[in-house]
Amino acid sequence: MALLATATAVVGLLGACANADPNRADAQKPAASFSRAPQDENSEITVWVDATRVAAVDAYKKAHPNVKVKAVTFGGGSGNELQTKVTLFDRTGEGWPDVVWPGNQDLSWATSGKTPFAAPISELVDKSFLDGYAKGSLDQCTINGKVYCVRHDLAPNVLWYNKRLMDQFGYTVPATWEEWRDLGLKVSKEHPGYLVGEVGSPGTPDVYFWGSQCPASVLTGPRAVNVDLQDAKCTRVATMLDSLLAANVLGTRNKYDTGFIKDQASKILLMPGPAWYGQTLFNTTYKTPAGEIAVAAPLKWAGDAEAHTGAVGGGMWFVSSHSKNLKASVDFVKWVTTDPDYTAGTGTFPAYTAAADAWLAKQQASGYFANDIGPVFKDAAPKIWTGWAVSTTYSQEAIYASTMVPAITQGKTITSQLGPWQDAIVNQAKSLGYSVN
């Protein structure tokens, strides 16, 4: 679901904070100084997007009829397609797109080397423009003090719940993971068949382990990671989930599985997950009636001094350093991330604060939600833990899907599979040239 990781990929909101720790991956060797290609402000710009983002290009063209823009679709946000093609263009000296919808894994290679593919946005726009993004949302894009991408949307995890059912059952919305677990165990006895979450989707680690600050993959250098699933902040998640799996209150099928939608979607009482679940999952996919779905703050571990959360998705834009029309390229990424009329009609939470306000107002005016989602979303966005490595060239989600989901389906506990899961992460990282601690 490319949309959902924008909508897979904050998120956005995500990744390494360049200004926080010099040992993080974004503290890589400085890229060469940005040298602009000869400019032609009348030239056509080519924008590479996934199928979902074609609508963004069309909207920009309609609003800017005098700008020549061409959309080219590609896989976007997944795999190494962009890197492979840019490497070819580097050899031939031509073919680079002007603007790209990349994946998180593209950040490391696209911002390093003799001629980095991604142009430093911070050298092309006023600081006041960048200051308009939500706090922390550009941390992932910031490398050695330069901003190389702009966030399109954010996908912080929050707690979704069915207010009608919670009221009917007389339950109080939990504020901590421990309360969530205890409520789940209570639900298993009082209302068997109802769910408080699911662990059968690839994004499960992002929902449960990320916010716990579990070091499933923590970047310690440009090509170095620390992997330790036996850390207490990982094992506490596994133990909690195992207790709820044993009580049959966690779905074990992918939440988009036809069987899950048919048999269990209407039985969801609570569901930790990203900001886009509201409209995209509950409204569009599950057809949950208006006025039932509400949102609460990200769950906090009772023993932690402050709350952290994870994210599932959140997209970004690169402007190519090879662009011959930087003016139009920059204007495009600014418009699609900030224009309130355009962003208000998209399905995901904008990273730009003013656009987010307009988007939230439209969401609330739709009448779909049972409470005010705005304060919760705004509070959750800066709480995303920046230690979770999202810019590695391997996918944590893919590893979980191939390693853990089959084991869970077979009835194995998550705790018993932490070792095999860790081995899978380590082996994949090493195969891609990472040094693993």
Protein backbone atom coordinates (compact mmCIF):
# COMPACT_ATOMS: atom_id res chain seq x y z
CA MET A 1 0.00 0.00 0.00
CA ALA A 2 2.14 2.89 -1.21
CA LEU A 3 -0.43 5.43 -0.03
CA LEU A 4 -0.49 4.02 3.44
CA ALA A 5 3.07 4.30 3.87
CA THR A 6 2.70 7.62 3.08
CA ALA A 7 0.39 5.64 3.49
CA THR A 8 4.68 2.49 4.01
CA ALA A 9 7.65 3.68 4.35
CA VAL A 10 7.34 9.84 9.45
CA VAL A 11 7.29 9.30 8.83
CA GLY A 12 7.97 10.83 8.56
CA LEU A 13 8.92 12.14 11.81
CA LEU A 14 10.99 9.51 11.64
CA GLY A 15 14.51 8.58 11.42
CA ALA A 16 17.68 10.04 12.54
CA CYS A 17 18.03 13.46 14.02
CA ALA A 18 21.13 14.98 12.55
CA ASN A 19 21.50 17.60 15.20
CA ALA A 20 21.03 15.24 18.09
CA ASP A 21 23.79 12.65 17.95
CA PRO A 22 27.01 12.81 15.91
CA ASN A 23 27.16 9.01 15.85
CA ARG A 24 23.86 8.61 14.06
CA ALA A 25 23.68 7.69 10.39
CA ASP A 26 22.95 11.21 9.33
CA ALA A 27 26.33 12.19 10.76
CA GLN A 28 27.88 10.75 7.62
CA LYS A 29 30.78 12.25 5.71
CA PRO A 30 29.75 15.66 4.33
CA ALA A 31 28.58 15.62 0.76
CA ALA A 32 30.36 17.70 -1.82
CA SER A 33 29.29 21.32 -2.15
CA PHE A 34 26.14 21.82 -4.18
CA SER A 35 26.96 22.89 -7.73
CA ARG A 36 23.94 23.89 -9.79
CA ALA A 37 23.46 22.75 -13.34
CA PRO A 38 22.93 25.46 -15.98
CA GLN A 39 19.41 26.74 -15.44
CA ASP A 40 16.53 27.21 -17.87
CA GLU A 41 13.39 28.42 -16.11
CA ASN A 42 11.28 27.64 -19.18
CA SER A 43 12.28 23.99 -19.33
CA GLU A 44 9.94 21.15 -18.45
CA ILE A 45 10.38 19.43 -15.11
CA THR A 46 9.97 15.68 -14.74
CA VAL A 47 8.45 14.41 -11.51
CA TRP A 48 8.86 10.75 -10.56
CA VAL A 49 6.00 9.52 -8.39
CA ASP A 50 4.17 6.36 -7.44
CA ALA A 51 0.69 5.85 -8.87
CA THR A 52 -0.98 7.53 -5.90
CA ARG A 53 1.01 10.74 -6.25
CA VAL A 54 0.11 11.27 -9.92
CA ALA A 55 -2.87 13.21 -8.59
CA ALA A 56 -0.46 15.64 -6.92
CA VAL A 57 1.23 16.36 -10.25
CA ASP A 58 -2.12 16.80 -11.97
CA ALA A 59 -3.29 19.21 -9.26
CA TYR A 60 -0.11 21.26 -9.56
CA LYS A 61 -0.43 21.45 -13.34
CA LYS A 62 -4.01 22.65 -13.03
CA ALA A 63 -2.99 25.35 -10.54
CA HIS A 64 0.09 26.33 -12.59
CA PRO A 65 -0.91 26.09 -16.27
CA ASN A 66 2.16 28.00 -17.42
CA VAL A 67 4.63 25.55 -15.87
CA LYS A 68 5.66 22.55 -17.95
CA VAL A 69 5.44 19.43 -15.80
CA LYS A 70 5.55 15.75 -16.72
CA ALA A 71 4.74 12.89 -14.35
CA VAL A 72 6.57 9.57 -14.64
CA THR A 73 5.37 6.70 -12.48
CA PHE A 74 7.73 4.23 -10.82
CA GLY A 75 7.72 2.04 -7.74
CA GLY A 76 8.30 5.02 -5.47
CA GLY A 77 9.13 4.58 -1.79
CA SER A 78 10.14 0.91 -1.95
CA GLY A 79 13.07 -1.20 -3.03
CA ASN A 80 16.17 0.14 -4.76
CA GLU A 81 14.66 1.15 -8.09
CA LEU A 82 15.50 4.83 -7.68
CA GLN A 83 19.09 4.16 -6.67
CA THR A 84 19.61 1.75 -9.56
CA LYS A 85 18.31 4.21 -12.12
CA VAL A 86 20.18 7.20 -10.71
CA THR A 87 23.39 5.18 -10.76
CA LEU A 88 22.80 4.54 -14.46
CA PHE A 89 22.08 8.22 -15.10
CA ASP A 90 25.27 9.15 -13.26
CA ARG A 91 27.21 6.96 -15.68
CA THR A 92 25.50 8.27 -18.83
CA GLY A 93 25.38 11.88 -17.65
CA GLU A 94 21.70 12.35 -18.42
CA GLY A 95 18.18 11.20 -17.56
CA TRP A 96 17.81 12.42 -13.98
CA PRO A 97 14.31 13.48 -12.90
CA ASP A 98 13.84 16.94 -11.40
CA VAL A 99 11.67 15.90 -8.46
CA VAL A 100 11.20 12.48 -6.85
CA TRP A 101 8.91 10.79 -4.32
CA PRO A 102 11.57 8.57 -2.68
CA GLY A 103 11.55 6.00 0.09
CA ASN A 104 13.20 6.39 3.47
CA GLN A 105 15.90 3.96 2.37
CA ASP A 106 16.96 6.41 -0.35
CA LEU A 107 18.13 9.05 2.10
CA SER A 108 21.57 7.60 2.80
CA TRP A 109 22.83 7.16 -0.75
CA ALA A 110 21.00 10.18 -2.26
CA THR A 111 22.63 12.63 0.15
CA SER A 112 26.24 11.44 -0.06
CA GLY A 113 28.96 10.97 -2.62
CA LYS A 114 30.84 13.26 -4.98
CA THR A 115 27.63 14.63 -6.51
CA PRO A 116 24.67 13.82 -4.25
CA PHE A 117 21.47 13.22 -6.16
CA ALA A 118 19.32 15.14 -3.67
CA ALA A 119 19.83 18.89 -3.68
CA PRO A 120 20.10 20.62 -0.30
CA ILE A 121 16.68 22.22 -0.05
CA SER A 122 17.93 24.50 2.70
CA GLU A 123 20.15 26.25 0.13
CA LEU A 124 17.21 26.82 -2.21
CA VAL A 125 14.51 28.20 0.10
CA ASP A 126 14.19 30.73 2.89
CA LYS A 127 14.59 29.42 6.43
CA SER A 128 11.13 30.77 7.23
CA PHE A 129 9.67 28.19 4.85
CA LEU A 130 11.40 25.30 6.60
CA ASP A 131 10.39 26.69 9.97
CA GLY A 132 6.79 26.17 8.94
CA TYR A 133 7.07 22.38 9.24
CA ALA A 134 6.02 20.56 12.38
CA LYS A 135 8.67 20.30 15.07
CA GLY A 136 10.96 17.39 14.36
CA SER A 137 9.41 16.55 11.00
CA LEU A 138 12.53 17.56 9.05
CA ASP A 139 14.99 15.82 11.36
CA GLN A 140 15.13 12.81 9.07
CA CYS A 141 15.89 15.11 6.15
CA THR A 142 18.66 16.99 7.94
CA ILE A 143 22.21 15.77 7.39
CA ASN A 144 25.24 17.68 8.59
CA GLY A 145 23.09 20.75 9.06
CA LYS A 146 21.58 20.72 5.56
CA VAL A 147 17.97 19.81 4.75
CA TYR A 148 17.79 17.46 1.77
CA CYS A 149 14.08 16.66 1.61
CA VAL A 150 10.75 18.09 2.66
CA ARG A 151 8.13 16.03 4.42
CA HIS A 152 4.82 15.55 2.68
CA ASP A 153 2.87 14.03 5.53
CA LEU A 154 3.26 12.56 9.00
CA ALA A 155 2.02 9.24 10.33
CA PRO A 156 2.51 9.18 14.12
CA ASN A 157 0.97 6.27 15.97
CA VAL A 158 -1.99 7.08 18.21
CA LEU A 159 -4.68 4.97 19.86
CA TRP A 160 -7.80 4.50 17.75
CA TYR A 161 -10.92 3.17 19.45
CA ASN A 162 -14.61 2.58 18.82
CA LYS A 163 -16.31 5.03 21.14
CA ARG A 164 -19.74 3.49 20.70
CA LEU A 165 -18.49 0.09 21.81
CA MET A 166 -16.31 1.47 24.60
CA ASP A 167 -19.32 3.36 25.99
CA GLN A 168 -21.57 0.36 25.55
CA PHE A 169 -19.16 -1.91 27.42
CA GLY A 170 -18.49 0.70 30.11
CA TYR A 171 -14.73 0.82 29.52
CA THR A 172 -12.32 3.71 30.09
CA VAL A 173 -9.85 4.54 27.31
CA PRO A 174 -6.37 3.42 28.45
CA ALA A 175 -3.52 5.90 28.74
CA THR A 176 -0.63 3.44 29.20
CA TRP A 177 0.42 0.21 27.54
CA GLU A 178 -0.13 -1.57 30.83
CA GLU A 179 -3.72 -0.31 30.99
CA TRP A 180 -4.21 -1.36 27.36
CA ARG A 181 -2.96 -4.86 28.17
CA ASP A 182 -5.16 -5.15 31.25
CA LEU A 183 -8.20 -3.95 29.33
CA GLY A 184 -7.46 -6.49 26.61
CA LEU A 185 -7.39 -9.31 29.13
CA LYS A 186 -10.68 -8.06 30.55
CA VAL A 187 -12.24 -7.90 27.08
CA SER A 188 -11.22 -11.51 26.43
CA LYS A 189 -13.35 -12.62 29.37
CA GLU A 190 -16.27 -10.20 29.12
CA HIS A 191 -16.59 -9.78 25.34
CA PRO A 192 -14.75 -12.64 23.61
CA GLY A 193 -14.18 -12.11 19.92
CA TYR A 194 -13.43 -8.40 20.17
CA LEU A 195 -9.94 -7.10 19.39
CA VAL A 196 -7.64 -4.48 20.91
CA GLY A 197 -5.06 -4.61 18.10
CA GLU A 198 -3.46 -6.82 15.45
CA VAL A 199 0.04 -8.19 14.84
CA GLY A 200 -0.31 -9.82 11.42
CA SER A 201 0.69 -6.83 9.28
CA PRO A 202 4.23 -5.89 8.16
CA GLY A 203 4.01 -2.58 10.06
CA THR A 204 3.58 -4.29 13.44
CA PRO A 205 7.14 -3.46 14.64
CA ASP A 206 6.50 0.22 13.85
CA VAL A 207 3.31 0.23 15.92
CA TYR A 208 4.45 -1.61 19.04
CA PHE A 209 8.26 -1.85 19.20
CA TRP A 210 9.25 1.55 17.83
CA GLY A 211 7.49 3.61 20.49
CA SER A 212 8.98 1.40 23.19
CA GLN A 213 12.44 2.55 22.02
CA CYS A 214 13.35 -1.03 21.18
CA PRO A 215 16.78 -1.13 19.46
CA ALA A 216 15.66 -3.43 16.64
CA SER A 217 17.87 -1.33 14.36
CA VAL A 218 19.63 1.78 15.60
CA LEU A 219 22.04 3.52 13.26
CA THR A 220 25.41 4.19 14.88
CA GLY A 221 27.23 5.32 11.74
CA PRO A 222 26.76 5.71 7.98
CA ARG A 223 26.78 1.92 7.48
CA ALA A 224 26.63 0.63 11.06
CA VAL A 225 23.68 -0.53 13.14
CA ASN A 226 23.03 -1.84 16.61
CA VAL A 227 20.50 -4.69 16.80
CA ASP A 228 19.43 -6.00 20.20
CA LEU A 229 15.98 -7.55 20.48
CA GLN A 230 16.87 -8.89 23.93
CA ASP A 231 16.93 -5.35 25.28
CA ALA A 232 14.37 -4.82 28.04
CA LYS A 233 12.51 -2.28 25.89
CA CYS A 234 11.97 -5.02 23.30
CA THR A 235 11.19 -7.91 25.62
CA ARG A 236 8.54 -5.90 27.49
CA VAL A 237 6.66 -5.47 24.22
CA ALA A 238 6.96 -9.13 23.31
CA THR A 239 5.76 -10.25 26.74
CA MET A 240 2.79 -7.88 26.59
CA LEU A 241 1.77 -8.96 23.10
CA ASP A 242 2.14 -12.64 23.99
CA SER A 243 -0.30 -12.26 26.89
CA LEU A 244 -2.86 -10.71 24.57
CA LEU A 245 -2.27 -13.28 21.83
CA ALA A 246 -2.94 -16.02 24.38
CA ALA A 247 -6.18 -14.23 25.27
CA ASN A 248 -7.22 -14.06 21.59
CA VAL A 249 -7.70 -10.30 21.54
CA LEU A 250 -5.05 -9.54 18.90
CA GLY A 251 -5.71 -10.21 15.24
CA THR A 252 -3.06 -12.41 13.63
CA ARG A 253 -4.02 -11.77 10.02
CA ASN A 254 -3.00 -8.74 7.99
CA LYS A 255 -5.55 -5.99 8.66
CA TYR A 256 -6.12 -5.73 4.88
CA ASP A 257 -6.71 -9.44 4.50
CA THR A 258 -10.14 -10.13 3.04
CA GLY A 259 -10.91 -12.59 5.82
CA PHE A 260 -9.92 -10.10 8.49
CA ILE A 261 -12.11 -7.40 6.97
CA LYS A 262 -15.06 -9.77 6.70
CA ASP A 263 -14.79 -11.47 10.09
CA GLN A 264 -13.01 -9.12 12.46
CA ALA A 265 -13.06 -5.49 11.30
CA SER A 266 -16.42 -4.90 13.01
CA LYS A 267 -15.01 -6.40 16.21
CA ILE A 268 -12.23 -3.84 16.66
CA LEU A 269 -12.56 -2.17 20.04
CA LEU A 270 -9.13 -0.52 20.09
CA MET A 271 -6.33 -0.33 17.55
CA PRO A 272 -2.94 1.35 18.09
CA GLY A 273 -1.77 2.67 14.74
CA PRO A 274 -0.89 5.66 12.55
CA ALA A 275 -2.81 8.84 11.89
CA TRP A 276 -4.10 7.65 8.51
CA TYR A 277 -6.04 4.73 10.02
CA GLY A 278 -9.03 6.98 10.66
CA GLN A 279 -10.12 7.74 7.12
CA THR A 280 -8.14 5.20 5.11
CA LEU A 281 -8.66 2.11 7.25
CA PHE A 282 -11.82 2.58 9.32
CA ASN A 283 -13.85 4.75 6.95
CA THR A 284 -12.78 3.66 3.46
CA THR A 285 -11.75 0.02 4.03
CA TYR A 286 -13.80 -1.16 7.00
CA LYS A 287 -16.82 1.07 6.36
CA THR A 288 -17.17 1.75 10.08
CA PRO A 289 -20.15 4.12 10.46
CA ALA A 290 -19.59 7.82 11.14
CA GLY A 291 -19.59 8.90 14.75
CA GLU A 292 -18.04 5.72 16.13
CA ILE A 293 -14.28 6.07 15.66
CA ALA A 294 -12.35 8.26 18.09
CA VAL A 295 -8.67 8.81 18.82
CA ALA A 296 -6.58 9.07 21.98
CA ALA A 297 -2.98 9.99 22.70
CA PRO A 298 -0.19 7.51 22.00
CA LEU A 299 0.08 4.98 24.80
CA LYS A 300 2.89 5.50 27.29
CA TRP A 301 4.88 2.94 29.23
CA ALA A 302 4.10 3.54 32.89
CA GLY A 303 7.73 3.39 33.99
CA ASP A 304 9.04 5.77 31.32
CA ALA A 305 9.64 9.42 32.13
CA GLU A 306 8.08 10.58 28.86
CA ALA A 307 5.91 9.20 26.10
CA HIS A 308 7.34 8.13 22.77
CA THR A 309 5.59 6.75 19.74
CA GLY A 310 6.42 5.26 16.37
CA ALA A 311 5.10 5.89 12.88
CA VAL A 312 3.85 3.89 9.92
CA GLY A 313 4.53 5.86 6.79
CA GLY A 314 5.01 9.52 6.12
CA GLY A 315 6.35 10.54 2.73
CA MET A 316 8.87 13.08 1.42
CA TRP A 317 10.13 14.80 -1.70
CA PHE A 318 13.62 15.20 -3.19
CA VAL A 319 14.63 17.93 -5.60
CA SER A 320 17.38 16.69 -7.90
CA SER A 321 20.73 18.44 -7.78
CA HIS A 322 20.85 17.88 -11.56
CA SER A 323 17.64 19.81 -12.26
CA LYS A 324 17.92 22.46 -14.94
CA ASN A 325 14.86 24.22 -13.57
CA LEU A 326 15.33 24.44 -9.83
CA LYS A 327 12.87 27.30 -9.59
CA ALA A 328 9.95 25.18 -10.84
CA SER A 329 11.15 22.07 -9.02
CA VAL A 330 11.31 23.83 -5.69
CA ASP A 331 8.00 25.53 -6.31
CA PHE A 332 6.42 22.13 -6.95
CA VAL A 333 7.55 20.56 -3.67
CA LYS A 334 6.59 23.69 -1.77
CA TRP A 335 3.11 23.77 -3.28
CA VAL A 336 2.23 20.09 -2.84
CA THR A 337 3.29 20.16 0.81
CA THR A 338 1.89 23.52 1.87
CA ASP A 339 -1.04 24.61 -0.27
CA PRO A 340 -4.01 24.44 2.11
CA ASP A 341 -6.63 23.86 -0.57
CA TYR A 342 -4.72 20.95 -2.11
CA THR A 343 -3.44 19.29 1.06
CA ALA A 344 -6.84 19.55 2.78
CA GLY A 345 -8.19 17.16 0.18
CA THR A 346 -5.49 14.51 0.62
CA GLY A 347 -5.87 11.47 2.85
CA THR A 348 -2.91 11.97 5.16
CA PHE A 349 -1.82 14.39 7.90
CA PRO A 350 0.33 17.19 6.35
CA ALA A 351 3.75 17.89 7.82
CA TYR A 352 3.46 21.63 7.17
CA THR A 353 1.77 23.23 10.18
CA ALA A 354 -0.55 25.65 8.37
CA ALA A 355 -1.60 22.94 5.92
CA ALA A 356 -2.16 20.55 8.82
CA ASP A 357 -4.52 23.03 10.46
CA ALA A 358 -6.63 23.24 7.31
CA TRP A 359 -6.55 19.46 6.87
CA LEU A 360 -7.62 18.83 10.46
CA ALA A 361 -10.44 21.35 10.14
CA LYS A 362 -11.75 19.54 7.05
CA GLN A 363 -11.44 16.16 8.76
CA GLN A 364 -13.43 17.39 11.71
CA ALA A 365 -16.03 19.05 9.51
CA SER A 366 -16.62 15.72 7.75
CA GLY A 367 -18.47 14.51 10.83
CA TYR A 368 -16.83 11.11 10.66
CA PHE A 369 -14.97 11.17 13.95
CA ALA A 370 -16.49 10.82 17.41
CA ASN A 371 -14.07 13.30 19.00
CA ASP A 372 -11.65 16.07 18.05
CA ILE A 373 -8.62 14.44 16.43
CA GLY A 374 -6.62 17.68 16.03
CA PRO A 375 -5.07 18.03 19.50
CA VAL A 376 -4.14 14.35 19.57
CA PHE A 377 -2.41 14.40 16.18
CA LYS A 378 -0.51 17.60 16.95
CA ASP A 379 0.64 16.23 20.28
CA ALA A 380 1.72 12.89 18.81
CA ALA A 381 3.84 14.18 15.91
CA PRO A 382 6.86 15.41 17.94
CA LYS A 383 6.83 12.31 20.16
CA ILE A 384 8.13 9.97 17.50
CA TRP A 385 11.31 8.33 18.78
CA THR A 386 14.19 9.27 16.47
CA GLY A 387 16.33 6.25 17.36
CA TRP A 388 14.43 3.86 15.09
CA ALA A 389 16.37 3.40 11.85
CA VAL A 390 14.12 4.05 8.87
CA SER A 391 16.74 5.01 6.30
CA THR A 392 18.48 1.64 6.10
CA THR A 393 18.47 -0.11 2.75
CA TYR A 394 16.76 -3.10 4.35
CA SER A 395 13.13 -3.08 5.42
CA GLN A 396 12.22 -3.85 9.01
CA GLU A 397 8.65 -4.42 7.88
CA ALA A 398 9.62 -6.97 5.21
CA ILE A 399 11.77 -8.90 7.66
CA TYR A 400 8.94 -9.03 10.20
CA ALA A 401 6.50 -10.18 7.54
CA SER A 402 8.72 -13.03 6.36
CA THR A 403 10.03 -14.08 9.77
CA MET A 404 7.51 -13.30 12.48
CA VAL A 405 4.10 -13.44 10.81
CA PRO A 406 4.45 -17.12 9.80
CA ALA A 407 5.65 -17.99 13.31
CA ILE A 408 2.73 -16.19 14.94
CA THR A 409 0.33 -17.89 12.54
CA GLN A 410 1.77 -21.23 13.67
CA GLY A 411 1.01 -20.34 17.28
CA LYS A 412 4.54 -19.52 18.38
CA THR A 413 5.06 -16.74 20.92
CA ILE A 414 6.75 -13.52 19.95
CA THR A 415 9.16 -13.90 22.86
CA SER A 416 10.32 -17.28 21.58
CA GLN A 417 11.00 -15.79 18.14
CA LEU A 418 13.04 -12.74 19.16
CA GLY A 419 16.24 -14.67 18.46
CA PRO A 420 15.30 -15.77 14.93
CA TRP A 421 13.94 -12.30 14.22
CA GLN A 422 17.20 -10.70 15.33
CA ASP A 423 19.21 -13.17 13.24
CA ALA A 424 17.13 -12.24 10.20
CA ILE A 425 17.76 -8.52 10.74
CA VAL A 426 21.49 -9.04 11.30
CA ASN A 427 21.88 -11.29 8.27
CA GLN A 428 20.01 -8.89 6.01
CA ALA A 429 21.99 -5.91 7.28
CA LYS A 430 25.32 -7.66 6.82
CA SER A 431 24.36 -8.80 3.33
CA LEU A 432 23.89 -5.16 2.40
CA GLY A 433 27.24 -4.07 3.79
CA TYR A 434 26.29 -2.87 7.26
CA SER A 435 28.53 -3.37 10.26
CA VAL A 436 26.34 -4.86 12.99
CA ASN A 437 26.84 -4.60 16.74
